[in-house]
C-alpha atoms as a PDB file:
ATOM      1  CA  MET A   1      -2.882   0.162   8.617  1.00  0.00           C
ATOM      2  CA  ARG A   2      -2.488   0.590   4.851  1.00  0.00           C
ATOM      3  CA  GLY A   3      -4.191   3.977   5.130  1.00  0.00           C
ATOM      4  CA  ILE A   4      -1.762   5.070   7.818  1.00  0.00           C
ATOM      5  CA  ALA A   5       1.153   3.975   5.652  1.00  0.00           C
ATOM      6  CA  ALA A   6      -0.264   5.899   2.693  1.00  0.00           C
ATOM      7  CA  LEU A   7      -0.728   9.048   4.779  1.00  0.00           C
ATOM      8  CA  TRP A   8       2.793   8.651   6.120  1.00  0.00           C
ATOM      9  CA  VAL A   9       4.170   8.656   2.561  1.00  0.00           C
ATOM     10  CA  VAL A  10       2.098  11.727   1.686  1.00  0.00           C
ATOM     11  CA  LEU A  11       3.365  13.562   4.759  1.00  0.00           C
ATOM     12  CA  TYR A  12       6.916  12.563   3.864  1.00  0.00           C
ATOM     13  CA  HIS A  13       6.616  14.030   0.365  1.00  0.00           C
ATOM     14  CA  TYR A  14       4.742  17.172   1.387  1.00  0.00           C
ATOM     15  CA  SER A  15       7.099  17.936   4.254  1.00  0.00           C
ATOM     16  CA  PHE A  16       9.846  18.910   1.817  1.00  0.00           C
ATOM     17  CA  THR A  17       7.884  21.280  -0.396  1.00  0.00           C
ATOM     18  CA  HIS A  18       4.795  22.449   1.473  1.00  0.00           C
ATOM     19  CA  PHE A  19       5.979  22.381   5.086  1.00  0.00           C
ATOM     20  CA  PRO A  20       9.525  23.762   4.979  1.00  0.00           C
ATOM     21  CA  ASN A  21       9.275  24.922   8.615  1.00  0.00           C
ATOM     22  CA  LEU A  22       8.503  21.385   9.772  1.00  0.00           C
ATOM     23  CA  HIS A  23      11.738  20.070  11.198  1.00  0.00           C
ATOM     24  CA  PRO A  24      11.046  16.470  12.186  1.00  0.00           C
ATOM     25  CA  GLU A  25      14.650  15.875  13.163  1.00  0.00           C
ATOM     26  CA  HIS A  26      14.158  18.090  16.229  1.00  0.00           C
ATOM     27  CA  SER A  27      11.378  16.000  17.732  1.00  0.00           C
ATOM     28  CA  THR A  28      11.135  12.708  15.894  1.00  0.00           C
ATOM     29  CA  ARG A  29      12.655  11.020  12.896  1.00  0.00           C
ATOM     30  CA  LEU A  30       9.357   9.385  11.997  1.00  0.00           C
ATOM     31  CA  VAL A  31       8.494  11.736   9.127  1.00  0.00           C
ATOM     32  CA  GLU A  32      11.904  11.491   7.515  1.00  0.00           C
ATOM     33  CA  LYS A  33      11.580   7.688   7.440  1.00  0.00           C
ATOM     34  CA  GLY A  34       8.390   7.920   5.364  1.00  0.00           C
ATOM     35  CA  TYR A  35      10.005   6.126   2.446  1.00  0.00           C
ATOM     36  CA  LEU A  36       9.792   2.941   4.531  1.00  0.00           C
ATOM     37  CA  ALA A  37       6.008   3.235   4.542  1.00  0.00           C
ATOM     38  CA  VAL A  38       5.996   2.404   0.820  1.00  0.00           C
ATOM     39  CA  ASP A  39       7.422  -1.025   1.606  1.00  0.00           C
ATOM     40  CA  LEU A  40       4.934  -1.455   4.455  1.00  0.00           C
ATOM     41  CA  PHE A  41       2.042  -0.489   2.175  1.00  0.00           C
ATOM     42  CA  PHE A  42       3.031  -2.991  -0.522  1.00  0.00           C
ATOM     43  CA  MET A  43       3.625  -5.797   1.972  1.00  0.00           C
ATOM     44  CA  LEU A  44       0.212  -5.248   3.545  1.00  0.00           C
ATOM     45  CA  SER A  45      -1.368  -5.085   0.081  1.00  0.00           C
ATOM     46  CA  GLY A  46       0.156  -8.473  -0.711  1.00  0.00           C
ATOM     47  CA  PHE A  47      -1.385  -9.945   2.442  1.00  0.00           C
ATOM     48  CA  VAL A  48      -4.768  -8.428   1.606  1.00  0.00           C
ATOM     49  CA  LEU A  49      -4.708  -9.749  -1.979  1.00  0.00           C
ATOM     50  CA  THR A  50      -3.650 -13.191  -0.775  1.00  0.00           C
ATOM     51  CA  HIS A  51      -6.429 -13.235   1.812  1.00  0.00           C
ATOM     52  CA  VAL A  52      -9.078 -12.190  -0.714  1.00  0.00           C
ATOM     53  CA  TYR A  53      -8.021 -14.478  -3.562  1.00  0.00           C
ATOM     54  CA  HIS A  54      -6.656 -17.442  -1.575  1.00  0.00           C
ATOM     55  CA  GLY A  55      -9.619 -19.672  -2.342  1.00  0.00           C
ATOM     56  CA  SER A  56      -9.522 -19.059  -6.066  1.00  0.00           C
ATOM     57  CA  PHE A  57      -5.776 -19.766  -6.393  1.00  0.00           C
ATOM     58  CA  GLY A  58      -6.168 -23.482  -5.776  1.00  0.00           C
ATOM     59  CA  ARG A  59      -9.207 -24.049  -7.994  1.00  0.00           C
ATOM     60  CA  PRO A  60      -8.595 -25.111 -11.575  1.00  0.00           C
ATOM     61  CA  ARG A  61      -9.937 -22.741 -14.210  1.00  0.00           C
ATOM     62  CA  THR A  62     -12.619 -24.043 -16.516  1.00  0.00           C
ATOM     63  CA  SER A  63     -13.721 -22.616 -19.815  1.00  0.00           C
ATOM     64  CA  SER A  64     -17.001 -21.412 -18.290  1.00  0.00           C
ATOM     65  CA  SER A  65     -15.242 -19.569 -15.433  1.00  0.00           C
ATOM     66  CA  ALA A  66     -12.882 -17.964 -17.925  1.00  0.00           C
ATOM     67  CA  ALA A  67     -15.847 -16.851 -20.019  1.00  0.00           C
ATOM     68  CA  ASP A  68     -17.476 -15.307 -16.945  1.00  0.00           C
ATOM     69  CA  THR A  69     -14.484 -13.034 -16.354  1.00  0.00           C
ATOM     70  CA  ARG A  70     -14.334 -11.635 -19.905  1.00  0.00           C
ATOM     71  CA  ILE A  71     -15.391  -8.049 -20.414  1.00  0.00           C
ATOM     72  CA  SER A  72     -18.272  -7.687 -22.845  1.00  0.00           C
END
């Protein structure tokens, strides 16, 4: 779904400069609403990040776990 939202934004931006003969208002207004896909993408990204890191949010950090995450 995030990929579809990203492609939707790309199509929205390219439709102005690279596809001037594409007139989405004649058939659908989906392309011209591509700016809404940015919000969709970021909302879905928030859900994905929460799902991935949910378990580590509640655990207290210790000095050894903090040392494990440092870049050498």
